[in-house]
Amino acid sequence: MAGMKDTVRARIDRRLKKDARAVLQQIGLTESDAFRMMMRRIAVEKQLPFAPLIPNQTTIDAMEEARRGGLRRFANAAEMLAALNDEEEEKETGRRGARGRPRRARRSSTATARR
């Protein structure tokens, strides 16, 4: 590489860094190697080397609701699936839960679903 070298720093989530590092190590690359490869492609192709995911309004609303803590919590996956099935049945039949109202889930921190 000719010319002056420069340093780029970025803040990322620790878990993301750990997960990405594990993948890169399996293919024999460092984080710096991967970043240099991405930057070179951007410079040559004049675009990102992947399609950026741009959330639609429904996704944006869901993310904002999650940040506000507006998620239902379930004790386990089976409880979450039962609640989702009840909601689907309600949509299809127009009927609500067994007592005429949607079933409420217990609060827990193991699994979440959008209200």
Protein backbone atom coordinates (compact mmCIF):
# COMPACT_ATOMS: atom_id res chain seq x y z
CA MET A 1 0.00 0.00 0.00
CA ALA A 2 1.44 3.31 -1.01
CA GLY A 3 0.90 6.53 0.87
CA MET A 4 0.23 7.53 4.40
CA LYS A 5 -1.59 5.10 6.70
CA ASP A 6 -4.45 6.34 8.84
CA THR A 7 -6.34 4.91 11.81
CA VAL A 8 -10.11 4.48 12.04
CA ARG A 9 -11.87 3.84 15.35
CA ALA A 10 -15.43 2.75 15.88
CA ARG A 11 -17.58 1.98 18.92
CA ILE A 12 -19.49 -1.28 18.67
CA ASP A 13 -21.35 -3.58 21.00
CA ARG A 14 -19.00 -5.97 22.87
CA ARG A 15 -21.09 -9.01 21.98
CA LEU A 16 -21.08 -8.05 18.29
CA LYS A 17 -17.30 -7.65 18.36
CA LYS A 18 -16.83 -11.01 20.08
CA ASP A 19 -19.17 -12.81 17.65
CA ALA A 20 -17.61 -11.20 14.58
CA ARG A 21 -14.08 -11.89 15.83
CA ALA A 22 -14.91 -15.59 16.23
CA VAL A 23 -16.12 -15.79 12.62
CA LEU A 24 -13.14 -13.85 11.30
CA GLN A 25 -10.68 -16.06 13.22
CA GLN A 26 -12.21 -19.14 11.58
CA ILE A 27 -11.37 -17.72 8.15
CA GLY A 28 -7.98 -16.36 9.17
CA LEU A 29 -8.75 -12.64 9.23
CA THR A 30 -8.45 -9.94 11.86
CA GLU A 31 -10.99 -7.19 12.41
CA SER A 32 -8.56 -4.80 10.70
CA ASP A 33 -8.25 -7.11 7.69
CA ALA A 34 -12.02 -7.32 7.29
CA PHE A 35 -12.43 -3.56 7.69
CA ARG A 36 -9.71 -2.84 5.11
CA MET A 37 -11.36 -5.26 2.66
CA MET A 38 -14.73 -3.57 3.14
CA MET A 39 -13.26 -0.06 2.73
CA ARG A 40 -11.40 -1.09 -0.44
CA ARG A 41 -14.62 -2.42 -1.99
CA ILE A 42 -16.47 0.76 -1.06
CA ALA A 43 -13.74 2.88 -2.66
CA VAL A 44 -13.57 0.77 -5.84
CA GLU A 45 -17.29 0.06 -6.32
CA LYS A 46 -18.53 3.44 -5.03
CA GLN A 47 -21.20 1.70 -2.95
CA LEU A 48 -21.56 -0.49 0.10
CA PRO A 49 -20.60 -4.14 -0.52
CA PHE A 50 -23.95 -5.24 0.93
CA ALA A 51 -27.54 -4.05 0.84
CA PRO A 52 -28.21 -1.92 3.93
CA LEU A 53 -31.39 -2.92 5.71
CA ILE A 54 -33.68 0.08 5.94
CA PRO A 55 -36.53 -0.59 8.38
CA ASN A 56 -40.10 0.18 7.34
CA GLN A 57 -42.42 2.17 9.61
CA THR A 58 -43.82 -0.97 11.31
CA THR A 59 -40.31 -2.07 12.25
CA ILE A 60 -39.35 1.41 13.44
CA ASP A 61 -42.49 1.56 15.61
CA ALA A 62 -41.69 -1.89 17.05
CA MET A 63 -38.09 -0.88 17.87
CA GLU A 64 -39.27 2.31 19.58
CA GLU A 65 -41.87 0.36 21.57
CA ALA A 66 -39.18 -2.11 22.66
CA ARG A 67 -36.90 0.73 23.80
CA ARG A 68 -39.76 2.10 25.91
CA GLY A 69 -40.15 -1.30 27.55
CA GLY A 70 -43.49 -1.97 25.85
CA LEU A 71 -42.99 -5.70 25.33
CA ARG A 72 -44.88 -8.60 26.81
CA ARG A 73 -42.73 -11.12 28.61
CA PHE A 74 -43.25 -14.84 28.87
CA ALA A 75 -41.92 -17.51 31.21
CA ASN A 76 -40.95 -19.79 28.30
CA ALA A 77 -41.28 -20.32 24.56
CA ALA A 78 -44.38 -22.52 24.90
CA GLU A 79 -46.23 -19.74 26.73
CA MET A 80 -45.21 -17.22 24.08
CA LEU A 81 -46.34 -19.50 21.24
CA ALA A 82 -49.69 -20.09 22.97
CA ALA A 83 -50.25 -16.34 23.23
CA LEU A 84 -49.30 -15.84 19.57
CA ASN A 85 -51.65 -18.66 18.53
CA ASP A 86 -54.47 -17.06 20.55
CA GLU A 87 -53.86 -13.74 18.79
CA GLU A 88 -53.85 -15.43 15.39
CA GLU A 89 -57.10 -17.26 16.18
CA GLU A 90 -58.64 -13.97 17.33
CA LYS A 91 -57.70 -12.35 14.02
CA GLU A 92 -59.15 -15.23 12.02
CA THR A 93 -62.40 -15.72 13.96
CA GLY A 94 -62.98 -12.34 15.54
CA ARG A 95 -63.36 -14.16 18.87
CA ARG A 96 -61.24 -13.40 21.85
CA GLY A 97 -59.84 -15.76 24.51
CA ALA A 98 -61.91 -18.27 26.44
CA ARG A 99 -63.51 -15.58 28.63
CA GLY A 100 -64.05 -13.06 25.86
CA ARG A 101 -60.75 -11.26 26.34
CA PRO A 102 -57.20 -11.89 25.18
CA ARG A 103 -55.10 -14.13 27.38
CA ARG A 104 -52.51 -12.24 29.39
CA ALA A 105 -48.99 -13.53 29.71
CA ARG A 106 -47.07 -13.69 32.96
CA ARG A 107 -44.19 -11.27 33.29
CA SER A 108 -40.78 -12.88 32.97
CA SER A 109 -37.42 -11.99 31.46
CA THR A 110 -36.79 -15.10 29.38
CA ALA A 111 -38.63 -14.46 26.12
CA THR A 112 -40.34 -11.43 24.62
CA ALA A 113 -42.85 -10.66 21.90
CA ARG A 114 -44.29 -7.46 20.50
CA ARG A 115 -47.65 -6.39 21.90
